[in-house]
Amino acid sequence: MATKREEQINQELKSRNEAPHFNAGFVEGAQWADEHPHWISVEDEGNPKYIGWHIFATGKIIDVGYYLGDNEWIGVRPTHWMPLPPPPQKGGEK
């Protein structure tokens, strides 16, 4: 069974009347985007799966907030969120 994201990609591909090699590029771009931080819509995809600190947006502000689980945030009702990036490595190592 396809995931919601796979269904979105397949639906977009069906709507395009382009040569197959363009479709392959579209899929590669979608996969790249999925592997890099991006805003996640609370309405479309829900709240985070884990409790902790996240970046959030409300339509008026962008900040860092704490997600408590069970659709509860401390003091905010975000429209979008994303995970925090990993901290820098000691000594500038990657």
N, C-alpha and C. Protein backbone atom coordinates (compact mmCIF):
# COMPACT_ATOMS: atom_id res chain seq x y z
N MET A 1 0.85 -1.18 0.00
CA MET A 1 0.00 0.00 0.00
C MET A 1 0.89 1.25 0.00
N ALA A 2 0.56 2.18 -0.86
CA ALA A 2 1.36 3.40 -0.99
C ALA A 2 1.10 4.34 0.18
N THR A 3 2.15 5.04 0.60
CA THR A 3 2.00 6.06 1.63
C THR A 3 1.30 7.28 1.04
N LYS A 4 0.87 8.19 1.92
CA LYS A 4 0.23 9.41 1.45
C LYS A 4 1.18 10.19 0.55
N ARG A 5 2.47 10.22 0.91
CA ARG A 5 3.44 10.96 0.11
C ARG A 5 3.61 10.31 -1.26
N GLU A 6 3.69 8.98 -1.31
CA GLU A 6 3.80 8.29 -2.59
C GLU A 6 2.57 8.56 -3.46
N GLU A 7 1.40 8.59 -2.84
CA GLU A 7 0.17 8.90 -3.57
C GLU A 7 0.21 10.31 -4.14
N GLN A 8 0.74 11.28 -3.34
CA GLN A 8 0.86 12.66 -3.82
C GLN A 8 1.77 12.72 -5.04
N ILE A 9 2.91 12.04 -4.96
CA ILE A 9 3.87 12.04 -6.07
C ILE A 9 3.24 11.39 -7.30
N ASN A 10 2.60 10.24 -7.12
CA ASN A 10 1.98 9.55 -8.26
C ASN A 10 0.87 10.38 -8.89
N GLN A 11 0.08 11.06 -8.05
CA GLN A 11 -0.99 11.92 -8.58
C GLN A 11 -0.40 13.05 -9.41
N GLU A 12 0.68 13.65 -8.92
CA GLU A 12 1.32 14.73 -9.68
C GLU A 12 1.87 14.21 -11.00
N LEU A 13 2.49 13.03 -10.97
CA LEU A 13 3.03 12.46 -12.20
C LEU A 13 1.93 12.20 -13.23
N LYS A 14 0.79 11.71 -12.77
CA LYS A 14 -0.33 11.44 -13.68
C LYS A 14 -0.85 12.72 -14.31
N SER A 15 -0.78 13.84 -13.58
CA SER A 15 -1.32 15.11 -14.09
C SER A 15 -0.38 15.74 -15.12
N ARG A 16 0.86 15.27 -15.18
CA ARG A 16 1.83 15.83 -16.12
C ARG A 16 1.82 15.02 -17.41
N ASN A 17 1.84 15.68 -18.52
CA ASN A 17 1.93 14.99 -19.82
C ASN A 17 3.33 15.22 -20.37
N GLU A 18 4.30 14.67 -19.67
CA GLU A 18 5.70 14.88 -20.04
C GLU A 18 6.37 13.55 -20.31
N ALA A 19 7.52 13.63 -20.94
CA ALA A 19 8.29 12.43 -21.24
C ALA A 19 8.74 11.76 -19.95
N PRO A 20 8.90 10.43 -19.96
CA PRO A 20 9.27 9.70 -18.74
C PRO A 20 10.53 10.21 -18.05
N HIS A 21 11.53 10.71 -18.81
CA HIS A 21 12.74 11.18 -18.14
C HIS A 21 12.47 12.44 -17.32
N PHE A 22 11.47 13.23 -17.67
CA PHE A 22 11.09 14.36 -16.82
C PHE A 22 10.45 13.87 -15.52
N ASN A 23 9.66 12.82 -15.63
CA ASN A 23 9.03 12.25 -14.44
C ASN A 23 10.08 11.71 -13.47
N ALA A 24 11.13 11.08 -13.99
CA ALA A 24 12.19 10.56 -13.12
C ALA A 24 12.85 11.71 -12.36
N GLY A 25 13.07 12.83 -13.02
CA GLY A 25 13.65 14.00 -12.37
C GLY A 25 12.73 14.56 -11.29
N PHE A 26 11.43 14.53 -11.56
CA PHE A 26 10.46 15.01 -10.57
C PHE A 26 10.51 14.12 -9.32
N VAL A 27 10.55 12.82 -9.51
CA VAL A 27 10.61 11.89 -8.37
C VAL A 27 11.90 12.10 -7.58
N GLU A 28 13.02 12.26 -8.26
CA GLU A 28 14.29 12.51 -7.58
C GLU A 28 14.23 13.80 -6.77
N GLY A 29 13.62 14.83 -7.32
CA GLY A 29 13.49 16.10 -6.61
C GLY A 29 12.59 15.97 -5.38
N ALA A 30 11.51 15.22 -5.52
CA ALA A 30 10.60 15.01 -4.38
C ALA A 30 11.31 14.22 -3.28
N GLN A 31 12.10 13.23 -3.67
CA GLN A 31 12.85 12.45 -2.67
C GLN A 31 13.87 13.33 -1.96
N TRP A 32 14.57 14.19 -2.70
CA TRP A 32 15.53 15.10 -2.08
C TRP A 32 14.83 16.00 -1.07
N ALA A 33 13.69 16.56 -1.47
CA ALA A 33 12.95 17.46 -0.58
C ALA A 33 12.51 16.73 0.68
N ASP A 34 12.12 15.48 0.55
CA ASP A 34 11.67 14.72 1.71
C ASP A 34 12.81 14.43 2.69
N GLU A 35 14.03 14.41 2.19
CA GLU A 35 15.19 14.11 3.04
C GLU A 35 15.77 15.35 3.71
N HIS A 36 15.28 16.51 3.35
CA HIS A 36 15.80 17.76 3.91
C HIS A 36 14.69 18.46 4.69
N PRO A 37 15.06 19.18 5.73
CA PRO A 37 14.04 19.82 6.55
C PRO A 37 13.11 20.71 5.73
N HIS A 38 11.85 20.61 6.03
CA HIS A 38 10.85 21.44 5.37
C HIS A 38 9.67 21.61 6.33
N TRP A 39 8.87 22.62 6.07
CA TRP A 39 7.71 22.87 6.91
C TRP A 39 6.70 21.77 6.74
N ILE A 40 6.15 21.30 7.86
CA ILE A 40 5.14 20.25 7.86
C ILE A 40 3.83 20.88 8.32
N SER A 41 2.80 20.75 7.52
CA SER A 41 1.50 21.32 7.84
C SER A 41 0.81 20.48 8.90
N VAL A 42 0.40 21.13 9.98
CA VAL A 42 -0.34 20.42 11.04
C VAL A 42 -1.66 19.93 10.47
N GLU A 43 -2.31 20.74 9.63
CA GLU A 43 -3.59 20.36 9.06
C GLU A 43 -3.47 19.14 8.15
N ASP A 44 -2.43 19.09 7.32
CA ASP A 44 -2.30 18.00 6.35
C ASP A 44 -1.61 16.76 6.91
N GLU A 45 -0.59 16.97 7.76
CA GLU A 45 0.23 15.83 8.19
C GLU A 45 0.25 15.61 9.70
N GLY A 46 -0.38 16.51 10.47
CA GLY A 46 -0.45 16.32 11.90
C GLY A 46 0.74 16.90 12.65
N ASN A 47 0.72 16.69 13.94
CA ASN A 47 1.78 17.17 14.83
C ASN A 47 2.95 16.20 14.85
N PRO A 48 4.06 16.60 15.47
CA PRO A 48 5.24 15.72 15.53
C PRO A 48 4.91 14.36 16.15
N LYS A 49 5.72 13.39 15.82
CA LYS A 49 5.55 12.04 16.37
C LYS A 49 6.23 11.90 17.74
N TYR A 50 7.11 12.84 18.07
CA TYR A 50 7.83 12.71 19.33
C TYR A 50 7.76 14.01 20.14
N ILE A 51 7.80 13.86 21.44
CA ILE A 51 7.78 14.98 22.38
C ILE A 51 9.14 15.68 22.34
N GLY A 52 9.13 17.00 22.40
CA GLY A 52 10.38 17.73 22.45
C GLY A 52 10.31 19.06 21.72
N TRP A 53 11.49 19.63 21.52
CA TRP A 53 11.63 20.94 20.89
C TRP A 53 11.54 20.83 19.38
N HIS A 54 10.82 21.78 18.76
CA HIS A 54 10.66 21.85 17.32
C HIS A 54 10.61 23.32 16.91
N ILE A 55 10.88 23.60 15.65
CA ILE A 55 10.65 24.93 15.09
C ILE A 55 9.18 24.96 14.68
N PHE A 56 8.49 26.07 14.95
CA PHE A 56 7.08 26.15 14.55
C PHE A 56 6.77 27.50 13.93
N ALA A 57 5.68 27.54 13.19
CA ALA A 57 5.17 28.78 12.60
C ALA A 57 3.68 28.86 12.91
N THR A 58 3.20 30.07 13.15
CA THR A 58 1.78 30.26 13.43
C THR A 58 1.09 31.10 12.37
N GLY A 59 1.81 31.57 11.39
CA GLY A 59 1.26 32.52 10.43
C GLY A 59 1.69 33.93 10.77
N LYS A 60 2.06 34.15 12.05
CA LYS A 60 2.52 35.47 12.48
C LYS A 60 3.96 35.41 12.97
N ILE A 61 4.36 34.28 13.53
CA ILE A 61 5.72 34.17 14.07
C ILE A 61 6.33 32.82 13.71
N ILE A 62 7.65 32.80 13.75
CA ILE A 62 8.43 31.57 13.65
C ILE A 62 9.29 31.54 14.89
N ASP A 63 9.28 30.42 15.61
CA ASP A 63 10.00 30.33 16.86
C ASP A 63 10.29 28.86 17.16
N VAL A 64 10.87 28.62 18.30
CA VAL A 64 11.11 27.26 18.78
C VAL A 64 10.15 27.01 19.93
N GLY A 65 9.47 25.86 19.91
CA GLY A 65 8.52 25.55 20.97
C GLY A 65 8.59 24.09 21.36
N TYR A 66 7.97 23.78 22.47
CA TYR A 66 8.01 22.43 23.01
C TYR A 66 6.68 21.73 22.76
N TYR A 67 6.75 20.57 22.10
CA TYR A 67 5.57 19.75 21.84
C TYR A 67 5.42 18.73 22.95
N LEU A 68 4.24 18.69 23.58
CA LEU A 68 3.98 17.83 24.73
C LEU A 68 3.38 16.47 24.36
N GLY A 69 2.99 16.30 23.12
CA GLY A 69 2.28 15.09 22.71
C GLY A 69 0.78 15.34 22.78
N ASP A 70 0.00 14.39 22.26
CA ASP A 70 -1.47 14.50 22.29
C ASP A 70 -1.96 15.83 21.73
N ASN A 71 -1.33 16.31 20.66
CA ASN A 71 -1.72 17.56 19.98
C ASN A 71 -1.61 18.80 20.85
N GLU A 72 -0.75 18.77 21.87
CA GLU A 72 -0.58 19.91 22.77
C GLU A 72 0.84 20.48 22.69
N TRP A 73 0.92 21.79 22.51
CA TRP A 73 2.16 22.55 22.54
C TRP A 73 2.12 23.46 23.75
N ILE A 74 3.27 23.88 24.24
CA ILE A 74 3.30 24.83 25.35
C ILE A 74 3.05 26.23 24.80
N GLY A 75 1.87 26.76 25.06
CA GLY A 75 1.56 28.16 24.78
C GLY A 75 1.33 28.56 23.35
N VAL A 76 1.30 27.65 22.39
CA VAL A 76 1.09 28.02 20.99
C VAL A 76 0.20 27.01 20.29
N ARG A 77 -0.33 27.43 19.16
CA ARG A 77 -1.08 26.54 18.27
C ARG A 77 -0.51 26.72 16.87
N PRO A 78 0.55 25.97 16.54
CA PRO A 78 1.20 26.14 15.25
C PRO A 78 0.33 25.70 14.07
N THR A 79 0.61 26.32 12.93
CA THR A 79 0.03 25.85 11.66
C THR A 79 1.01 24.92 10.96
N HIS A 80 2.32 25.12 11.22
CA HIS A 80 3.38 24.33 10.60
C HIS A 80 4.49 24.10 11.62
N TRP A 81 5.27 23.06 11.40
CA TRP A 81 6.41 22.77 12.26
C TRP A 81 7.48 22.03 11.46
N MET A 82 8.67 21.97 12.02
CA MET A 82 9.75 21.15 11.45
C MET A 82 10.69 20.75 12.58
N PRO A 83 11.39 19.63 12.40
CA PRO A 83 12.34 19.23 13.44
C PRO A 83 13.52 20.19 13.49
N LEU A 84 14.14 20.27 14.64
CA LEU A 84 15.36 21.06 14.76
C LEU A 84 16.48 20.34 14.02
N PRO A 85 17.38 21.09 13.39
CA PRO A 85 18.53 20.44 12.75
C PRO A 85 19.46 19.90 13.83
N PRO A 86 20.33 18.95 13.47
CA PRO A 86 21.27 18.45 14.47
C PRO A 86 22.24 19.55 14.89
N PRO A 87 22.75 19.48 16.12
CA PRO A 87 23.70 20.51 16.58
C PRO A 87 25.02 20.39 15.82
N PRO A 88 25.80 21.46 15.79
CA PRO A 88 27.10 21.39 15.11
C PRO A 88 28.02 20.43 15.85
N GLN A 89 28.92 19.84 15.10
CA GLN A 89 29.89 18.92 15.67
C GLN A 89 31.01 19.71 16.33
N LYS A 90 31.60 19.14 17.34
CA LYS A 90 32.72 19.78 18.04
C LYS A 90 33.87 20.04 17.07
N GLY A 91 34.42 21.23 17.14
CA GLY A 91 35.57 21.57 16.30
C GLY A 91 35.22 21.77 14.83
N GLY A 92 33.93 21.97 14.52
CA GLY A 92 33.54 22.21 13.15
C GLY A 92 33.50 20.96 12.27
N GLU A 93 33.63 19.79 12.88
CA GLU A 93 33.59 18.55 12.11
C GLU A 93 32.18 18.31 11.60
N LYS A 94 32.08 17.63 10.47
CA LYS A 94 30.77 17.32 9.90
C LYS A 94 30.46 15.86 10.08
